[in-house]
Structure formats: C-alpha cells, structure tokens
PDB file of N, CA and C in Angstrom:
ATOM      1  N   UNK A   1    -119.052  68.857  -7.120  1.00  0.00           N
ATOM      2  CA  UNK A   1    -119.701  70.273  -6.704  1.00  0.00           C
ATOM      3  C   UNK A   1    -120.590  69.791  -5.477  1.00  0.00           C
ATOM      4  N   UNK A   2    -120.288  70.750  -4.422  1.00  0.00           N
ATOM      5  CA  UNK A   2    -121.073  70.342  -3.246  1.00  0.00           C
ATOM      6  C   UNK A   2    -121.900  71.734  -2.586  1.00  0.00           C
ATOM      7  N   UNK A   3    -123.161  71.462  -2.431  1.00  0.00           N
ATOM      8  CA  UNK A   3    -123.940  72.506  -1.817  1.00  0.00           C
ATOM      9  C   UNK A   3    -124.388  72.128  -0.502  1.00  0.00           C
ATOM     10  N   UNK A   4    -124.146  72.908   0.495  1.00  0.00           N
ATOM     11  CA  UNK A   4    -124.430  72.645   2.006  1.00  0.00           C
ATOM     12  C   UNK A   4    -124.142  71.153   2.268  1.00  0.00           C
ATOM     13  N   UNK A   5    -123.005  70.874   1.965  1.00  0.00           N
ATOM     14  CA  UNK A   5    -122.522  69.426   2.238  1.00  0.00           C
ATOM     15  C   UNK A   5    -123.173  68.239   1.489  1.00  0.00           C
ATOM     16  N   UNK A   6    -124.060  68.613   0.428  1.00  0.00           N
ATOM     17  CA  UNK A   6    -124.794  67.580  -0.345  1.00  0.00           C
ATOM     18  C   UNK A   6    -123.896  67.671  -1.623  1.00  0.00           C
ATOM     19  N   UNK A   7    -123.472  66.578  -2.199  1.00  0.00           N
ATOM     20  CA  UNK A   7    -122.834  66.432  -3.359  1.00  0.00           C
ATOM     21  C   UNK A   7    -123.853  66.523  -4.654  1.00  0.00           C
ATOM     22  N   UNK A   8    -123.639  67.384  -5.606  1.00  0.00           N
ATOM     23  CA  UNK A   8    -124.452  67.396  -6.762  1.00  0.00           C
ATOM     24  C   UNK A   8    -123.832  66.930  -7.978  1.00  0.00           C
ATOM     25  N   UNK A   9    -124.595  66.073  -8.598  1.00  0.00           N
ATOM     26  CA  UNK A   9    -123.931  65.340  -9.815  1.00  0.00           C
ATOM     27  C   UNK A   9    -124.211  66.293 -11.074  1.00  0.00           C
ATOM     28  N   UNK A  10    -123.119  66.541 -11.704  1.00  0.00           N
ATOM     29  CA  UNK A  10    -123.218  67.235 -12.898  1.00  0.00           C
ATOM     30  C   UNK A  10    -122.530  66.690 -14.095  1.00  0.00           C
ATOM     31  N   UNK A  11    -123.214  66.877 -15.266  1.00  0.00           N
ATOM     32  CA  UNK A  11    -122.480  66.343 -16.394  1.00  0.00           C
ATOM     33  C   UNK A  11    -121.254  67.087 -16.607  1.00  0.00           C
ATOM     34  N   UNK A  12    -120.279  66.711 -17.475  1.00  0.00           N
ATOM     35  CA  UNK A  12    -119.104  67.351 -17.641  1.00  0.00           C
ATOM     36  C   UNK A  12    -119.390  68.564 -18.355  1.00  0.00           C
ATOM     37  N   UNK A  13    -120.402  68.778 -19.142  1.00  0.00           N
ATOM     38  CA  UNK A  13    -120.651  70.144 -19.775  1.00  0.00           C
ATOM     39  C   UNK A  13    -121.114  71.138 -18.827  1.00  0.00           C
ATOM     40  N   UNK A  14    -122.126  70.587 -17.824  1.00  0.00           N
ATOM     41  CA  UNK A  14    -122.563  71.348 -16.912  1.00  0.00           C
ATOM     42  C   UNK A  14    -121.529  71.768 -15.819  1.00  0.00           C
ATOM     43  N   UNK A  15    -120.520  70.928 -15.568  1.00  0.00           N
ATOM     44  CA  UNK A  15    -119.517  71.345 -14.736  1.00  0.00           C
ATOM     45  C   UNK A  15    -118.565  72.389 -15.359  1.00  0.00           C
ATOM     46  N   UNK A  16    -118.243  72.301 -16.713  1.00  0.00           N
ATOM     47  CA  UNK A  16    -117.486  73.194 -17.314  1.00  0.00           C
ATOM     48  C   UNK A  16    -118.099  74.592 -17.369  1.00  0.00           C
ATOM     49  N   UNK A  17    -119.291  74.657 -17.619  1.00  0.00           N
ATOM     50  CA  UNK A  17    -120.057  75.909 -17.703  1.00  0.00           C
ATOM     51  C   UNK A  17    -120.223  76.636 -16.314  1.00  0.00           C
ATOM     52  N   UNK A  18    -120.507  75.720 -15.348  1.00  0.00           N
ATOM     53  CA  UNK A  18    -120.483  76.251 -13.878  1.00  0.00           C
ATOM     54  C   UNK A  18    -118.968  76.725 -13.469  1.00  0.00           C
ATOM     55  N   UNK A  19    -118.106  75.924 -13.846  1.00  0.00           N
ATOM     56  CA  UNK A  19    -116.564  76.279 -13.483  1.00  0.00           C
ATOM     57  C   UNK A  19    -116.136  77.763 -14.100  1.00  0.00           C
ATOM     58  N   UNK A  20    -116.541  77.771 -15.466  1.00  0.00           N
ATOM     59  CA  UNK A  20    -116.208  79.037 -16.279  1.00  0.00           C
ATOM     60  C   UNK A  20    -117.038  80.227 -15.560  1.00  0.00           C
ATOM     61  N   UNK A  21    -118.201  80.112 -15.238  1.00  0.00           N
ATOM     62  CA  UNK A  21    -119.039  81.316 -14.762  1.00  0.00           C
ATOM     63  C   UNK A  21    -118.310  81.476 -13.241  1.00  0.00           C
ATOM     64  N   UNK A  22    -118.038  80.609 -12.328  1.00  0.00           N
ATOM     65  CA  UNK A  22    -117.531  80.750 -11.101  1.00  0.00           C
ATOM     66  C   UNK A  22    -116.085  81.365 -11.291  1.00  0.00           C
ATOM     67  N   UNK A  23    -115.292  81.057 -12.333  1.00  0.00           N
ATOM     68  CA  UNK A  23    -113.884  81.392 -12.206  1.00  0.00           C
ATOM     69  C   UNK A  23    -114.153  83.190 -12.559  1.00  0.00           C
ATOM     70  N   UNK A  24    -115.278  83.567 -13.075  1.00  0.00           N
ATOM     71  CA  UNK A  24    -115.470  85.064 -13.587  1.00  0.00           C
ATOM     72  C   UNK A  24    -116.442  85.516 -12.704  1.00  0.00           C
ATOM     73  N   UNK A  25    -116.398  85.019 -11.495  1.00  0.00           N
ATOM     74  CA  UNK A  25    -117.450  85.576 -10.526  1.00  0.00           C
ATOM     75  C   UNK A  25    -117.749  87.226 -10.682  1.00  0.00           C
ATOM     76  N   UNK A  26    -118.960  87.505 -10.894  1.00  0.00           N
ATOM     77  CA  UNK A  26    -119.296  88.936 -10.849  1.00  0.00           C
ATOM     78  C   UNK A  26    -119.117  89.552 -12.151  1.00  0.00           C
ATOM     79  N   UNK A  27    -118.499  89.059 -13.108  1.00  0.00           N
ATOM     80  CA  UNK A  27    -118.623  89.430 -14.593  1.00  0.00           C
ATOM     81  C   UNK A  27    -119.565  88.877 -15.452  1.00  0.00           C
ATOM     82  N   UNK A  28    -120.156  89.845 -16.180  1.00  0.00           N
ATOM     83  CA  UNK A  28    -121.062  89.316 -17.233  1.00  0.00           C
ATOM     84  C   UNK A  28    -120.377  88.667 -18.447  1.00  0.00           C
ATOM     85  N   UNK A  29    -120.856  87.349 -18.635  1.00  0.00           N
ATOM     86  CA  UNK A  29    -119.945  86.679 -19.788  1.00  0.00           C
ATOM     87  C   UNK A  29    -121.275  86.576 -20.887  1.00  0.00           C
ATOM     88  N   UNK A  30    -120.871  86.920 -21.906  1.00  0.00           N
ATOM     89  CA  UNK A  30    -121.734  87.028 -23.095  1.00  0.00           C
ATOM     90  C   UNK A  30    -122.332  85.473 -23.485  1.00  0.00           C
ATOM     91  N   UNK A  31    -123.468  85.535 -24.119  1.00  0.00           N
ATOM     92  CA  UNK A  31    -123.874  84.195 -24.850  1.00  0.00           C
ATOM     93  C   UNK A  31    -122.728  83.806 -25.549  1.00  0.00           C
ATOM     94  N   UNK A  32    -122.314  84.522 -26.623  1.00  0.00           N
ATOM     95  CA  UNK A  32    -121.353  84.101 -27.491  1.00  0.00           C
ATOM     96  C   UNK A  32    -120.142  83.541 -26.882  1.00  0.00           C
ATOM     97  N   UNK A  33    -119.722  84.255 -25.848  1.00  0.00           N
ATOM     98  CA  UNK A  33    -118.296  83.927 -25.217  1.00  0.00           C
ATOM     99  C   UNK A  33    -118.405  82.512 -24.578  1.00  0.00           C
ATOM    100  N   UNK A  34    -119.599  82.226 -23.969  1.00  0.00           N
ATOM    101  CA  UNK A  34    -119.788  80.967 -23.251  1.00  0.00           C
ATOM    102  C   UNK A  34    -120.090  79.800 -24.203  1.00  0.00           C
ATOM    103  N   UNK A  35    -120.666  80.147 -25.276  1.00  0.00           N
ATOM    104  CA  UNK A  35    -120.959  79.151 -26.362  1.00  0.00           C
ATOM    105  C   UNK A  35    -119.594  78.626 -26.913  1.00  0.00           C
ATOM    106  N   UNK A  36    -118.697  79.748 -27.108  1.00  0.00           N
ATOM    107  CA  UNK A  36    -117.473  79.357 -27.948  1.00  0.00           C
ATOM    108  C   UNK A  36    -116.555  78.621 -26.911  1.00  0.00           C
ATOM    109  N   UNK A  37    -116.444  79.064 -25.706  1.00  0.00           N
ATOM    110  CA  UNK A  37    -115.643  78.467 -24.696  1.00  0.00           C
ATOM    111  C   UNK A  37    -115.937  77.193 -24.245  1.00  0.00           C
ATOM    112  N   UNK A  38    -117.254  76.832 -24.327  1.00  0.00           N
ATOM    113  CA  UNK A  38    -117.812  75.437 -23.878  1.00  0.00           C
ATOM    114  C   UNK A  38    -118.048  74.464 -24.958  1.00  0.00           C
ATOM    115  N   UNK A  39    -118.584  75.009 -26.253  1.00  0.00           N
ATOM    116  CA  UNK A  39    -118.953  74.020 -27.208  1.00  0.00           C
ATOM    117  C   UNK A  39    -118.073  74.249 -28.514  1.00  0.00           C
ATOM    118  N   UNK A  40    -117.355  75.409 -28.428  1.00  0.00           N
ATOM    119  CA  UNK A  40    -116.416  75.696 -29.486  1.00  0.00           C
ATOM    120  C   UNK A  40    -116.974  76.642 -30.667  1.00  0.00           C
ATOM    121  N   UNK A  41    -116.199  77.181 -31.586  1.00  0.00           N
ATOM    122  CA  UNK A  41    -116.504  78.367 -32.253  1.00  0.00           C
ATOM    123  C   UNK A  41    -117.794  77.961 -33.248  1.00  0.00           C
ATOM    124  N   UNK A  42    -117.787  76.836 -33.502  1.00  0.00           N
ATOM    125  CA  UNK A  42    -119.001  76.449 -34.640  1.00  0.00           C
ATOM    126  C   UNK A  42    -120.323  76.749 -33.771  1.00  0.00           C
ATOM    127  N   UNK A  43    -120.315  76.898 -32.551  1.00  0.00           N
ATOM    128  CA  UNK A  43    -121.849  76.893 -31.896  1.00  0.00           C
ATOM    129  C   UNK A  43    -122.222  78.381 -31.407  1.00  0.00           C
ATOM    130  N   UNK A  44    -121.399  79.312 -31.848  1.00  0.00           N
ATOM    131  CA  UNK A  44    -121.628  80.719 -31.443  1.00  0.00           C
ATOM    132  C   UNK A  44    -123.014  81.129 -31.438  1.00  0.00           C
ATOM    133  N   UNK A  45    -123.850  80.828 -32.538  1.00  0.00           N
ATOM    134  CA  UNK A  45    -125.209  81.172 -32.821  1.00  0.00           C
ATOM    135  C   UNK A  45    -126.204  80.233 -32.350  1.00  0.00           C
ATOM    136  N   UNK A  46    -125.932  79.166 -31.360  1.00  0.00           N
ATOM    137  CA  UNK A  46    -126.662  78.109 -30.827  1.00  0.00           C
ATOM    138  C   UNK A  46    -127.094  78.436 -29.286  1.00  0.00           C
ATOM    139  N   UNK A  47    -127.718  79.679 -29.252  1.00  0.00           N
ATOM    140  CA  UNK A  47    -127.958  80.172 -27.917  1.00  0.00           C
ATOM    141  C   UNK A  47    -129.053  79.043 -27.089  1.00  0.00           C
ATOM    142  N   UNK A  48    -129.831  78.368 -28.143  1.00  0.00           N
ATOM    143  CA  UNK A  48    -130.470  77.382 -27.161  1.00  0.00           C
ATOM    144  C   UNK A  48    -129.885  76.324 -26.417  1.00  0.00           C
ATOM    145  N   UNK A  49    -128.593  75.928 -26.760  1.00  0.00           N
ATOM    146  CA  UNK A  49    -127.944  75.030 -25.944  1.00  0.00           C
ATOM    147  C   UNK A  49    -127.595  75.651 -24.617  1.00  0.00           C
ATOM    148  N   UNK A  50    -127.164  76.898 -24.643  1.00  0.00           N
ATOM    149  CA  UNK A  50    -126.897  77.560 -23.419  1.00  0.00           C
ATOM    150  C   UNK A  50    -128.111  77.727 -22.509  1.00  0.00           C
ATOM    151  N   UNK A  51    -129.338  78.098 -23.003  1.00  0.00           N
ATOM    152  CA  UNK A  51    -130.610  78.234 -22.345  1.00  0.00           C
ATOM    153  C   UNK A  51    -130.929  76.863 -21.461  1.00  0.00           C
ATOM    154  N   UNK A  52    -130.650  75.793 -22.436  1.00  0.00           N
ATOM    155  CA  UNK A  52    -131.079  74.405 -21.734  1.00  0.00           C
ATOM    156  C   UNK A  52    -130.030  74.158 -20.693  1.00  0.00           C
ATOM    157  N   UNK A  53    -128.768  74.387 -20.783  1.00  0.00           N
ATOM    158  CA  UNK A  53    -127.726  73.970 -19.825  1.00  0.00           C
ATOM    159  C   UNK A  53    -127.956  74.965 -18.615  1.00  0.00           C
ATOM    160  N   UNK A  54    -128.170  76.283 -18.857  1.00  0.00           N
ATOM    161  CA  UNK A  54    -128.220  77.014 -17.599  1.00  0.00           C
ATOM    162  C   UNK A  54    -129.429  76.779 -16.902  1.00  0.00           C
ATOM    163  N   UNK A  55    -130.682  76.339 -17.527  1.00  0.00           N
ATOM    164  CA  UNK A  55    -131.673  75.857 -16.834  1.00  0.00           C
ATOM    165  C   UNK A  55    -131.553  74.670 -15.978  1.00  0.00           C
ATOM    166  N   UNK A  56    -130.779  73.706 -16.544  1.00  0.00           N
ATOM    167  CA  UNK A  56    -130.372  72.628 -15.842  1.00  0.00           C
ATOM    168  C   UNK A  56    -129.677  72.666 -14.534  1.00  0.00           C
ATOM    169  N   UNK A  57    -128.518  73.673 -14.781  1.00  0.00           N
ATOM    170  CA  UNK A  57    -127.744  74.046 -13.630  1.00  0.00           C
ATOM    171  C   UNK A  57    -128.567  74.627 -12.594  1.00  0.00           C
ATOM    172  N   UNK A  58    -129.463  75.380 -13.042  1.00  0.00           N
ATOM    173  CA  UNK A  58    -130.184  76.160 -12.026  1.00  0.00           C
ATOM    174  C   UNK A  58    -131.109  75.182 -11.125  1.00  0.00           C
ATOM    175  N   UNK A  59    -131.586  74.250 -11.798  1.00  0.00           N
ATOM    176  CA  UNK A  59    -132.446  73.112 -10.979  1.00  0.00           C
ATOM    177  C   UNK A  59    -131.642  72.515 -10.067  1.00  0.00           C
ATOM    178  N   UNK A  60    -130.197  72.222 -10.309  1.00  0.00           N
ATOM    179  CA  UNK A  60    -129.581  71.550  -9.557  1.00  0.00           C
ATOM    180  C   UNK A  60    -128.759  72.245  -8.391  1.00  0.00           C
ATOM    181  N   UNK A  61    -128.544  73.537  -8.641  1.00  0.00           N
ATOM    182  CA  UNK A  61    -127.760  74.468  -7.584  1.00  0.00           C
ATOM    183  C   UNK A  61    -128.599  75.496  -7.022  1.00  0.00           C
ATOM    184  N   UNK A  62    -129.777  75.853  -7.517  1.00  0.00           N
ATOM    185  CA  UNK A  62    -130.408  77.104  -6.885  1.00  0.00           C
ATOM    186  C   UNK A  62    -131.677  76.405  -6.029  1.00  0.00           C
ATOM    187  N   UNK A  63    -131.897  77.052  -4.974  1.00  0.00           N
ATOM    188  CA  UNK A  63    -132.959  76.629  -4.097  1.00  0.00           C
ATOM    189  C   UNK A  63    -134.238  76.904  -4.826  1.00  0.00           C
ATOM    190  N   UNK A  64    -134.447  78.124  -5.475  1.00  0.00           N
ATOM    191  CA  UNK A  64    -135.658  78.350  -6.411  1.00  0.00           C
ATOM    192  C   UNK A  64    -135.088  78.708  -7.726  1.00  0.00           C
ATOM    193  N   UNK A  65    -135.088  77.826  -8.577  1.00  0.00           N
ATOM    194  CA  UNK A  65    -134.621  78.060 -10.090  1.00  0.00           C
ATOM    195  C   UNK A  65    -135.459  79.059 -10.657  1.00  0.00           C
ATOM    196  N   UNK A  66    -136.549  79.409 -10.284  1.00  0.00           N
ATOM    197  CA  UNK A  66    -137.402  80.620 -10.926  1.00  0.00           C
ATOM    198  C   UNK A  66    -136.935  81.857 -10.314  1.00  0.00           C
ATOM    199  N   UNK A  67    -136.172  81.881  -9.483  1.00  0.00           N
ATOM    200  CA  UNK A  67    -135.630  83.204  -8.724  1.00  0.00           C
ATOM    201  C   UNK A  67    -134.156  82.779  -8.356  1.00  0.00           C
ATOM    202  N   UNK A  68    -133.384  82.712  -9.314  1.00  0.00           N
ATOM    203  CA  UNK A  68    -131.945  82.403  -9.137  1.00  0.00           C
ATOM    204  C   UNK A  68    -131.068  83.438  -8.356  1.00  0.00           C
ATOM    205  N   UNK A  69    -130.374  82.777  -7.367  1.00  0.00           N
ATOM    206  CA  UNK A  69    -129.330  83.607  -6.612  1.00  0.00           C
ATOM    207  C   UNK A  69    -128.043  83.710  -7.246  1.00  0.00           C
ATOM    208  N   UNK A  70    -127.509  82.354  -7.699  1.00  0.00           N
ATOM    209  CA  UNK A  70    -126.202  82.357  -8.315  1.00  0.00           C
ATOM    210  C   UNK A  70    -126.017  82.495  -9.745  1.00  0.00           C
ATOM    211  N   UNK A  71    -126.880  81.991 -10.613  1.00  0.00           N
ATOM    212  CA  UNK A  71    -126.701  82.579 -11.947  1.00  0.00           C
ATOM    213  C   UNK A  71    -127.771  83.413 -12.468  1.00  0.00           C
ATOM    214  N   UNK A  72    -127.184  84.577 -12.711  1.00  0.00           N
ATOM    215  CA  UNK A  72    -128.138  85.836 -12.885  1.00  0.00           C
ATOM    216  C   UNK A  72    -128.207  85.930 -14.449  1.00  0.00           C
ATOM    217  N   UNK A  73    -129.273  86.080 -15.118  1.00  0.00           N
ATOM    218  CA  UNK A  73    -129.465  86.469 -16.302  1.00  0.00           C
ATOM    219  C   UNK A  73    -129.403  87.935 -16.700  1.00  0.00           C
ATOM    220  N   UNK A  74    -128.409  88.319 -17.464  1.00  0.00           N
ATOM    221  CA  UNK A  74    -128.226  89.876 -17.989  1.00  0.00           C
ATOM    222  C   UNK A  74    -128.991  89.882 -19.373  1.00  0.00           C
ATOM    223  N   UNK A  75    -130.228  90.304 -19.439  1.00  0.00           N
ATOM    224  CA  UNK A  75    -131.036  90.125 -20.693  1.00  0.00           C
ATOM    225  C   UNK A  75    -130.480  90.655 -21.791  1.00  0.00           C
ATOM    226  N   UNK A  76    -130.408  89.781 -22.915  1.00  0.00           N
ATOM    227  CA  UNK A  76    -129.798  90.149 -24.165  1.00  0.00           C
ATOM    228  C   UNK A  76    -128.340  90.369 -24.166  1.00  0.00           C
ATOM    229  N   UNK A  77    -127.595  89.947 -23.103  1.00  0.00           N
ATOM    230  CA  UNK A  77    -126.153  90.070 -23.130  1.00  0.00           C
ATOM    231  C   UNK A  77    -125.617  88.587 -22.688  1.00  0.00           C
ATOM    232  N   UNK A  78    -126.006  87.966 -21.379  1.00  0.00           N
ATOM    233  CA  UNK A  78    -125.301  86.784 -21.058  1.00  0.00           C
ATOM    234  C   UNK A  78    -125.776  86.407 -19.613  1.00  0.00           C
ATOM    235  N   UNK A  79    -124.731  85.910 -18.968  1.00  0.00           N
ATOM    236  CA  UNK A  79    -125.116  85.575 -17.547  1.00  0.00           C
ATOM    237  C   UNK A  79    -123.808  85.832 -16.699  1.00  0.00           C
ATOM    238  N   UNK A  80    -124.340  86.083 -15.236  1.00  0.00           N
ATOM    239  CA  UNK A  80    -123.269  86.459 -14.344  1.00  0.00           C
ATOM    240  C   UNK A  80    -123.562  85.523 -13.181  1.00  0.00           C
ATOM    241  N   UNK A  81    -122.272  85.105 -12.530  1.00  0.00           N
ATOM    242  CA  UNK A  81    -122.424  84.263 -11.431  1.00  0.00           C
ATOM    243  C   UNK A  81    -121.971  85.145 -10.129  1.00  0.00           C
ATOM    244  N   UNK A  82    -122.707  84.877  -9.019  1.00  0.00           N
ATOM    245  CA  UNK A  82    -122.596  85.549  -7.945  1.00  0.00           C
ATOM    246  C   UNK A  82    -122.533  84.426  -6.766  1.00  0.00           C
ATOM    247  N   UNK A  83    -121.611  84.261  -6.021  1.00  0.00           N
ATOM    248  CA  UNK A  83    -121.493  83.416  -5.039  1.00  0.00           C
ATOM    249  C   UNK A  83    -122.389  83.504  -3.602  1.00  0.00           C
ATOM    250  N   UNK A  84    -122.897  85.015  -3.473  1.00  0.00           N
ATOM    251  CA  UNK A  84    -123.610  85.026  -2.444  1.00  0.00           C
ATOM    252  C   UNK A  84    -124.940  85.550  -2.864  1.00  0.00           C
TER     253      UNK A  84
END
C-alpha cells in the first residue's frame, strides 16, 4: 500500500481489512460482516478485534487518526471507506 508515494507496511490482517473496505468504497460494512469475512464466523461477536485493527489502520493511513478521512465510523453499525 502506498500513500503519497510512501510505502506503508501492513500486516496481512490489516491489508485484508483495508482491501475489503476499499473494494466496497462508499458502502457501510457492518461489524459482524467485517469480523466474519476477516476472522471467520467464530469471531462475529469479537468487536474488540475490529476496533483494534481499525485503530492501527488509521494510524498508518490517516493524516490525523482522530479525524479520519478514509475510514469512517458509522456508529453502532460498522465502517465505511471513502477514497476522497
């Protein structure tokens, strides 16, 4: 993954999560859907996994992780990726 010609190192799980979000740009993906797709059906209720990995991704790809532009939180539902 590159941001402004700078290569960003991601773990395989971070990459899978970012890739899934990016392929569904503009769509809200629920917590349960993301957990099932990335970690498997046994992790649907493990929302802490998702919060940790979203926070790690934001630190790596956002200019200001506290005011994310790319990975938006949809409170109580999930996350939405926007490229602009």
